[in-house]
Protein backbone atom coordinates (compact mmCIF):
# COMPACT_ATOMS: atom_id res chain seq x y z
CA MET A 1 132.06 175.45 33.99
CA PRO A 2 130.99 178.98 35.01
CA GLY A 3 128.93 180.92 32.53
CA LYS A 4 128.86 184.68 32.03
CA THR A 5 128.17 186.89 35.05
CA THR A 6 124.57 187.33 33.85
CA THR A 7 123.95 183.58 33.92
CA PRO A 8 121.67 182.53 36.82
CA ARG A 9 123.57 180.25 39.15
CA ILE A 10 120.71 178.05 40.37
CA THR A 11 118.00 177.16 37.85
CA LYS A 12 114.91 175.17 38.71
CA PHE A 13 112.92 173.45 35.97
CA THR A 14 109.30 172.78 36.81
CA ASN A 15 106.18 171.45 35.07
CA CYS A 16 108.31 169.03 33.06
CA ARG A 17 108.71 165.30 32.44
CA LEU A 18 112.12 163.86 33.29
CA VAL A 19 113.63 160.76 31.72
CA ARG A 20 114.02 158.38 34.65
CA GLY A 21 115.02 154.89 33.58
CA SER A 22 112.37 153.54 31.21
CA SER A 23 109.77 156.13 32.20
CA LEU A 24 108.92 159.81 31.93
CA VAL A 25 108.27 161.18 35.42
CA GLU A 26 106.73 164.52 36.37
CA GLN A 27 109.34 166.05 38.64
CA ASP A 28 111.34 169.25 39.14
CA LEU A 29 115.08 169.48 38.40
CA TRP A 30 117.65 171.88 39.89
CA ILE A 31 121.01 172.70 38.28
CA ASP A 32 124.01 174.82 39.24
CA SER A 33 125.82 176.80 36.51
CA LEU A 34 128.81 177.41 38.81
CA THR A 35 129.65 173.73 39.22
CA GLY A 36 127.95 172.67 35.97
CA LYS A 37 126.20 169.87 37.87
CA ILE A 38 122.69 168.65 38.59
CA LEU A 39 121.66 169.26 42.21
CA LYS A 40 119.75 167.06 44.60
CA ASP A 41 116.71 169.33 44.91
CA GLN A 42 115.69 168.39 48.48
CA GLU A 43 119.25 168.86 49.72
CA ALA A 44 119.64 172.15 47.85
CA PHE A 45 116.50 173.62 49.39
CA TYR A 46 116.38 172.14 52.89
CA GLU A 47 120.06 171.60 53.79
CA LEU A 48 122.05 174.06 51.68
CA HIS A 49 119.26 176.66 51.89
CA LEU A 50 119.63 177.51 48.22
CA SER A 51 116.86 179.22 46.33
CA PRO A 52 116.65 179.27 42.55
CA ASP A 53 117.79 182.41 40.74
CA GLU A 54 115.51 181.36 37.89
CA VAL A 55 112.45 179.13 37.69
CA ILE A 56 111.60 177.80 34.23
CA ASP A 57 108.15 176.39 33.54
CA LEU A 58 108.58 173.94 30.67
CA GLY A 59 104.85 173.58 30.06
CA GLY A 60 104.87 169.80 30.29
CA ARG A 61 107.77 169.30 27.87
CA ILE A 62 110.38 166.55 28.25
CA LEU A 63 113.69 167.34 29.99
CA ALA A 64 116.34 164.84 28.99
CA PRO A 65 120.12 164.50 29.26
CA GLY A 66 122.13 165.96 26.39
CA LEU A 67 122.46 163.58 23.43
CA ILE A 68 125.66 161.57 22.86
CA ASP A 69 126.83 160.50 19.38
CA VAL A 70 129.61 157.88 19.40
CA GLN A 71 130.13 157.88 15.62
CA LEU A 72 130.40 161.23 13.90
CA ASN A 73 132.77 161.86 10.98
CA GLY A 74 132.29 165.62 10.76
CA ALA A 75 129.69 168.36 10.45
CA GLN A 76 129.25 171.97 9.38
CA GLY A 77 131.51 171.37 6.37
CA PHE A 78 134.42 170.18 8.59
CA ASP A 79 135.87 166.68 8.34
CA PHE A 80 137.78 165.24 11.32
CA SER A 81 139.88 163.08 8.97
CA VAL A 82 141.32 166.02 7.02
CA PRO A 83 144.27 167.82 8.68
CA CYS A 84 144.54 171.60 8.32
CA ASP A 85 147.68 173.61 7.64
CA THR A 86 147.96 174.45 11.34
CA LYS A 87 146.64 172.98 14.58
CA GLU A 88 145.01 176.34 15.34
CA GLU A 89 143.01 176.17 12.11
CA TYR A 90 141.95 172.59 12.85
CA ASP A 91 140.90 173.47 16.41
CA GLU A 92 138.83 176.38 15.13
CA GLY A 93 137.05 173.95 12.80
CA LEU A 94 136.29 171.77 15.83
CA ARG A 95 134.75 174.71 17.69
CA MET A 96 132.53 175.38 14.68
CA VAL A 97 131.39 171.74 14.73
CA ASN A 98 130.79 171.85 18.49
CA ARG A 99 128.54 174.89 18.26
CA GLY A 100 126.62 173.43 15.32
CA LEU A 101 126.12 170.06 17.02
CA ALA A 102 124.74 171.70 20.15
CA ARG A 103 121.94 173.24 18.12
CA THR A 104 120.81 169.69 17.24
CA GLY A 105 120.80 168.57 20.90
CA VAL A 106 124.17 166.77 20.84
CA THR A 107 126.23 167.85 23.86
CA SER A 108 128.92 165.11 23.76
CA TYR A 109 130.35 162.93 21.00
CA LEU A 110 133.23 160.82 19.71
CA PRO A 111 134.84 162.54 16.71
CA THR A 112 135.46 159.70 14.26
CA VAL A 113 138.49 159.41 11.98
CA VAL A 114 138.06 157.02 9.04
CA SER A 115 140.79 154.76 7.61
CA SER A 116 143.77 156.99 6.91
CA THR A 117 147.54 156.95 6.62
CA PRO A 118 149.59 157.19 9.85
CA ASP A 119 150.55 160.82 9.28
CA VAL A 120 146.87 161.82 9.40
CA TYR A 121 146.36 160.15 12.78
CA TRP A 122 149.54 161.75 14.15
CA LYS A 123 148.31 165.20 13.13
CA VAL A 124 144.63 165.11 14.13
CA LEU A 125 144.35 162.84 17.17
CA PRO A 126 146.02 165.24 19.65
CA SER A 127 143.14 167.67 18.99
CA LEU A 128 140.37 165.07 19.36
CA GLY A 129 140.88 163.83 22.92
CA PRO A 130 138.39 164.39 25.73
CA SER A 131 137.67 168.09 26.24
CA GLY A 132 137.63 167.74 30.03
CA THR A 133 136.84 170.43 32.59
CA SER A 134 138.39 173.22 30.50
CA HIS A 135 135.57 173.08 27.94
CA PRO A 136 133.61 176.37 27.91
CA ALA A 137 129.86 175.84 27.91
CA GLN A 138 129.36 178.37 25.13
CA ASP A 139 131.59 176.30 22.82
CA GLY A 140 128.79 173.74 22.62
CA ALA A 141 129.31 169.98 22.34
CA GLU A 142 132.42 168.40 23.82
CA SER A 143 134.60 165.52 22.67
CA LEU A 144 134.65 162.44 24.89
CA GLY A 145 137.60 161.05 22.95
CA ALA A 146 138.30 160.00 19.38
CA HIS A 147 136.85 157.00 17.56
CA VAL A 148 139.31 155.59 15.02
CA GLU A 149 137.36 153.57 12.45
CA GLY A 150 140.01 151.58 10.61
CA PRO A 151 142.43 151.16 8.93
CA PHE A 152 142.66 147.61 10.35
CA ILE A 153 139.51 146.44 8.59
CA SER A 154 138.51 143.82 6.03
CA PRO A 155 139.26 144.81 2.41
CA GLY A 156 136.06 143.00 1.43
CA ARG A 157 133.94 145.00 3.88
CA ASN A 158 135.57 148.40 3.49
CA GLY A 159 132.47 150.31 2.42
CA VAL A 160 133.77 153.69 1.26
CA HIS A 161 137.09 153.37 3.11
CA LYS A 162 139.83 153.56 0.48
CA PRO A 163 141.42 150.09 0.00
CA GLU A 164 145.00 151.34 -0.41
CA VAL A 165 145.19 152.75 3.14
CA LEU A 166 143.96 149.55 4.83
CA ARG A 167 146.38 147.61 7.01
CA ALA A 168 146.73 144.31 8.88
CA ALA A 169 148.29 144.33 12.36
CA GLN A 170 150.54 141.44 13.35
CA THR A 171 151.77 142.96 16.61
CA PHE A 172 150.75 145.81 18.89
CA GLU A 173 153.71 147.73 17.52
CA ASP A 174 151.82 147.98 14.24
CA LEU A 175 149.00 149.82 16.04
CA LEU A 176 151.47 152.06 17.88
CA HIS A 177 153.10 153.03 14.60
CA CYS A 178 149.82 153.67 12.82
CA TYR A 179 148.04 155.74 15.47
CA GLY A 180 151.12 157.11 17.25
CA ALA A 181 152.50 155.78 20.54
CA ASP A 182 151.33 158.85 22.46
CA ASN A 183 147.80 158.26 21.20
CA LEU A 184 147.54 154.74 22.64
CA THR A 185 148.20 155.27 26.34
CA THR A 186 145.86 154.89 29.31
CA ALA A 187 145.26 158.65 28.97
CA SER A 188 144.87 158.28 25.21
CA PRO A 189 142.90 160.73 23.08
CA ILE A 190 141.45 157.56 21.51
CA LYS A 191 138.32 156.23 23.22
CA MET A 192 137.22 153.62 20.67
CA VAL A 193 138.84 151.55 17.91
CA THR A 194 136.81 149.88 15.16
CA ALA A 195 138.70 146.96 13.62
CA ALA A 196 138.06 143.56 12.04
CA PRO A 197 139.17 140.84 14.49
CA GLU A 198 139.85 138.31 11.72
CA VAL A 199 142.31 140.53 9.81
CA GLY A 200 145.99 139.87 10.45
CA ASN A 201 146.61 139.05 14.11
CA MET A 202 144.15 141.62 15.45
CA MET A 203 142.44 139.10 17.72
CA ALA A 204 145.56 138.95 19.89
CA GLN A 205 145.71 142.75 20.17
CA ILE A 206 142.21 143.20 21.64
CA PRO A 207 143.24 142.62 25.30
CA GLU A 208 146.07 145.14 24.93
CA ILE A 209 143.65 147.72 23.53
CA ALA A 210 141.12 147.10 26.32
CA LYS A 211 143.88 147.34 28.95
CA ARG A 212 144.38 150.97 27.89
CA ASN A 213 140.73 151.82 28.66
CA ILE A 214 139.96 151.92 24.93
CA ILE A 215 136.78 150.28 23.64
CA TYR A 216 137.35 147.68 20.94
CA SER A 217 134.45 147.62 18.48
CA ILE A 218 133.95 144.94 15.81
CA GLY A 219 133.25 146.54 12.46
CA HIS A 220 133.94 146.54 8.72
CA SER A 221 134.47 142.84 9.25
CA ASP A 222 133.90 139.51 7.52
CA ALA A 223 134.15 137.67 10.85
CA THR A 224 132.22 134.45 11.29
CA TYR A 225 130.06 133.96 14.35
CA GLU A 226 132.82 131.93 16.00
CA GLN A 227 135.41 134.64 15.33
CA ALA A 228 133.06 137.31 16.68
CA VAL A 229 132.48 135.28 19.85
CA SER A 230 136.24 134.91 20.28
CA ALA A 231 136.62 138.67 19.94
CA THR A 232 134.16 139.27 22.80
CA HIS A 233 136.09 136.76 24.93
CA GLN A 234 139.21 138.81 24.23
CA GLY A 235 137.49 142.03 25.33
CA ALA A 236 135.45 143.44 22.40
CA ARG A 237 132.51 145.42 23.82
CA MET A 238 130.88 147.09 20.82
CA ILE A 239 129.72 146.46 17.25
CA THR A 240 130.07 149.36 14.81
CA HIS A 241 126.94 150.17 12.73
CA MET A 242 125.23 146.78 13.02
CA PHE A 243 124.43 145.05 9.68
CA ASN A 244 126.45 147.56 7.62
CA ALA A 245 129.88 146.54 6.25
CA MET A 246 129.80 143.05 7.76
CA ARG A 247 129.04 139.45 6.83
CA PRO A 248 125.25 139.13 6.39
CA PHE A 249 123.16 137.04 8.77
CA TYR A 250 122.81 133.45 7.58
CA HIS A 251 120.81 130.77 9.36
CA ARG A 252 123.77 128.35 9.51
CA ASN A 253 126.25 131.05 10.48
CA PRO A 254 124.64 134.13 12.04
CA GLY A 255 127.87 136.14 11.78
CA ILE A 256 128.45 139.16 13.98
CA PHE A 257 124.71 139.70 14.45
CA GLY A 258 124.65 136.35 16.26
CA LEU A 259 126.39 137.99 19.22
CA LEU A 260 123.03 139.42 20.24
CA GLY A 261 121.96 135.87 20.99
CA GLN A 262 124.77 135.34 23.50
CA SER A 263 124.28 135.28 27.24
CA GLU A 264 123.62 138.68 28.78
CA ARG A 265 127.18 138.92 30.12
CA ARG A 266 128.64 138.41 26.65
CA ARG A 267 126.30 140.54 24.55
CA PRO A 268 128.08 143.66 23.30
CA TYR A 269 126.68 147.11 22.71
CA TYR A 270 125.91 147.84 19.06
CA GLY A 271 125.49 150.94 16.94
CA VAL A 272 122.46 151.47 14.70
CA ILE A 273 122.05 154.17 12.04
CA ALA A 274 118.30 154.85 11.98
CA ASP A 275 118.33 157.30 9.07
CA GLY A 276 116.03 155.30 6.77
CA ILE A 277 118.89 154.68 4.33
CA HIS A 278 121.40 152.39 6.01
CA LEU A 279 118.90 149.88 7.39
CA HIS A 280 115.37 148.64 6.80
CA PRO A 281 113.12 149.54 9.77
CA THR A 282 112.40 145.84 10.39
CA SER A 283 116.12 145.08 10.72
CA ILE A 284 116.33 147.70 13.45
CA LYS A 285 113.29 146.26 15.21
CA ILE A 286 114.74 142.74 15.12
CA ALA A 287 118.05 143.89 16.62
CA TYR A 288 116.30 145.95 19.28
CA ASN A 289 114.06 143.08 20.33
CA ALA A 290 117.10 140.80 20.56
CA HIS A 291 119.09 143.12 22.85
CA PRO A 292 117.24 146.33 23.79
CA ASP A 293 119.71 147.38 26.50
CA GLY A 294 122.68 147.39 24.10
CA LEU A 295 121.32 149.52 21.26
CA VAL A 296 123.16 152.82 20.70
CA LEU A 297 121.77 155.14 18.03
CA VAL A 298 124.49 156.85 15.96
CA THR A 299 124.41 159.16 12.96
CA ASP A 300 127.67 158.21 11.20
CA ALA A 301 127.23 161.78 9.97
CA MET A 302 129.67 163.42 7.61
CA LYS A 303 130.70 167.01 7.02
CA LEU A 304 127.99 167.36 4.38
CA CYS A 305 125.26 167.70 7.00
CA GLY A 306 123.38 170.92 6.33
CA LEU A 307 124.98 171.49 2.93
CA PRO A 308 122.94 171.60 -0.31
CA ASP A 309 122.63 168.59 -2.61
CA GLY A 310 125.51 168.08 -5.01
CA VAL A 311 128.83 166.30 -5.59
CA TYR A 312 131.56 166.82 -2.98
CA GLU A 313 135.21 165.84 -2.59
CA TRP A 314 135.84 163.17 0.06
CA THR A 315 138.93 162.59 2.21
CA ASN A 316 140.66 160.11 -0.10
CA GLY A 317 140.34 161.85 -3.48
CA GLU A 318 137.04 160.22 -4.40
CA ARG A 319 133.75 162.08 -4.46
CA ILE A 320 130.42 161.76 -2.69
CA VAL A 321 126.98 162.51 -4.09
CA LYS A 322 124.50 164.11 -1.69
CA THR A 323 120.83 163.66 -2.51
CA GLY A 324 118.75 164.73 0.46
CA ALA A 325 119.86 162.62 3.42
CA ARG A 326 121.39 160.01 1.11
CA LEU A 327 125.16 160.05 0.60
CA THR A 328 126.72 157.67 -1.93
CA LEU A 329 130.14 157.17 -3.48
CA GLU A 330 130.15 158.72 -6.96
CA GLY A 331 129.73 156.10 -9.67
CA SER A 332 128.34 153.45 -7.33
CA ASP A 333 125.49 152.77 -4.94
CA LYS A 334 127.80 152.38 -1.93
CA ILE A 335 126.43 154.26 1.07
CA ALA A 336 128.92 156.85 2.29
CA GLY A 337 127.60 157.80 5.70
CA SER A 338 124.61 159.72 6.91
CA SER A 339 123.43 163.30 6.90
CA ALA A 340 120.63 162.79 9.45
CA THR A 341 120.77 164.41 12.88
CA LEU A 342 120.68 162.33 16.04
CA ILE A 343 117.23 163.57 17.05
CA GLU A 344 115.94 162.50 13.60
CA CYS A 345 117.35 159.03 14.29
CA VAL A 346 115.59 159.01 17.67
CA ASN A 347 112.28 159.87 16.02
CA ASN A 348 112.74 157.21 13.34
CA PHE A 349 113.74 154.58 15.89
CA ARG A 350 110.77 155.33 18.13
CA ARG A 351 108.36 154.89 15.20
CA TRP A 352 109.98 151.76 13.76
CA SER A 353 110.79 149.83 16.93
CA GLY A 354 107.64 150.62 18.88
CA SER A 355 109.82 151.57 21.85
CA SER A 356 108.71 154.03 24.50
CA THR A 357 109.85 157.64 24.25
CA ALA A 358 112.10 157.16 27.29
CA ALA A 359 113.71 154.05 25.76
CA ALA A 360 114.40 155.89 22.50
CA ILE A 361 116.03 158.75 24.42
CA ASN A 362 118.08 156.29 26.49
CA ALA A 363 119.60 154.95 23.24
CA VAL A 364 121.36 158.33 22.78
CA THR A 365 121.98 159.16 26.45
CA ALA A 366 122.16 156.53 29.20
CA THR A 367 123.24 153.61 26.99
CA PRO A 368 126.19 155.31 25.25
CA ALA A 369 127.23 156.79 28.63
CA ARG A 370 127.30 153.28 30.08
CA LEU A 371 129.32 152.03 27.10
CA LEU A 372 131.86 154.84 27.62
CA GLY A 373 132.18 154.27 31.36
CA LEU A 374 130.53 157.62 32.10
CA GLU A 375 127.43 156.37 33.87
CA GLY A 376 126.28 159.00 36.37
CA VAL A 377 128.36 161.70 34.68
CA LYS A 378 126.86 161.94 31.19
CA GLY A 379 123.50 160.73 29.89
CA SER A 380 121.89 161.04 33.31
CA LEU A 381 119.61 163.36 35.29
CA GLU A 382 120.83 162.08 38.66
CA SER A 383 122.32 164.54 41.14
CA GLY A 384 126.03 165.03 40.58
CA ALA A 385 125.82 164.40 36.83
CA ASP A 386 126.93 167.06 34.37
CA ALA A 387 124.09 169.49 33.70
CA ASP A 388 124.02 168.77 29.96
CA LEU A 389 120.32 168.95 29.10
CA VAL A 390 117.89 169.13 26.21
CA VAL A 391 114.31 170.37 26.38
CA LEU A 392 112.24 168.34 23.93
CA GLY A 393 108.93 169.42 22.48
CA GLU A 394 106.48 167.06 20.79
CA ASN A 395 104.74 167.92 17.54
CA ASP A 396 102.06 165.96 15.71
CA ASP A 397 103.22 165.30 12.16
CA PRO A 398 100.36 164.19 9.86
CA PHE A 399 102.70 161.80 8.03
CA SER A 400 105.02 160.43 10.72
CA GLY A 401 103.11 160.90 13.96
CA ARG A 402 104.50 162.44 17.13
CA THR A 403 107.93 163.97 16.57
CA LEU A 404 110.41 165.18 19.17
CA THR A 405 111.97 168.61 18.60
CA VAL A 406 115.02 170.17 20.26
CA ASP A 407 113.67 173.36 21.86
CA GLN A 408 116.49 174.21 24.29
CA VAL A 409 120.02 172.98 24.95
CA TRP A 410 121.94 173.47 28.20
CA LYS A 411 125.64 172.74 28.58
CA LEU A 412 127.17 172.48 32.06
CA GLY A 413 124.27 174.39 33.52
CA VAL A 414 124.29 177.21 30.96
CA LYS A 415 121.61 177.66 28.30
CA ILE A 416 123.33 177.74 24.91
CA HIS A 417 120.44 177.21 22.50
CA ASP A 418 116.78 178.21 22.55
CA THR A 419 114.50 178.02 19.53
CA ASP A 420 112.44 180.88 20.94
CA LYS A 421 115.33 183.23 21.69
CA ALA A 422 118.74 184.24 20.35
CA ILE A 423 121.48 183.09 22.73
């Protein structure tokens, strides 16, 4: 997407380390703000005879693809699950979220709608579909499609999802009615559905969901190992926030976690919330060692991110207590989402898992892009990919060791955030 007339068209990054597969490689990168794409540098210079309008020396810092969050409930005080009086008001709230997310390094995401009544889905989903080529770079992060988490989930594994809105689908018509027929097409605004395969007749609906290019994710589920395996045979490709809101691992029935022990062809992707609250660090390390290529770091962040500690209204009339990064349902110890940023999760994961820096970055770039069918478009520094980029610095923290910081953010070839300058 073109930037302002003052935006350099061709930018060359030099003296930087690029994320290339499982390694950090010292290499230059060229981008084009007119097309919003990454260029093949040799071709740009020798064949197209292009010369950079701007050369940026990154001083040895890391240049990575923009971060992708596939489970985000809201931010900046805005909740995707709460309709506004008008669509215009709701869309303005989305733009506020998009600009705020970009400052944290997130350039693409799946806005997540929690278990709600059908009228909520009918109102909000048309605004949450993929932003597409019309997305202005200065608006910040873009939607890659909505993630509907519920309401077809287990009442016994509902977490903070309100029990009275939960449903059980017997036919695909039940899904069409709940989400809206226009929201479940091959060009659907929905990109991912989290549902419990053992509830109602959901197992039989998985192939129909997958046929519409929608990812079926197992979550908020009491499924046994055998039921979870059956779900993957039907087309399930993801597990929502592994370990949370699901049957615990047991040595005689490993439950949903047991899917990570399947053959490589059958192992699904799985989300992990590495905020230090949802999971013990060792649990994360065990999952990562079982299936490193499938781990997708998510925030499960709510609208309370960045707000002061206190008690806040939630979407279903109940209230949430915010104490630092910890969010709990008032009157209980039930975890109610996260308030950590995705780069904080990357830093935590790198420390706890012992993974390389490149592998930790891949868990929020290349891996979610592969899950979403956007390999080579998002989450990549290959030529032809969208020029969504983050410049990462590294600080030495006396308590937690080396910590990545988001120093710059580029969207479609245009710089939209710089910690050293006002954009």
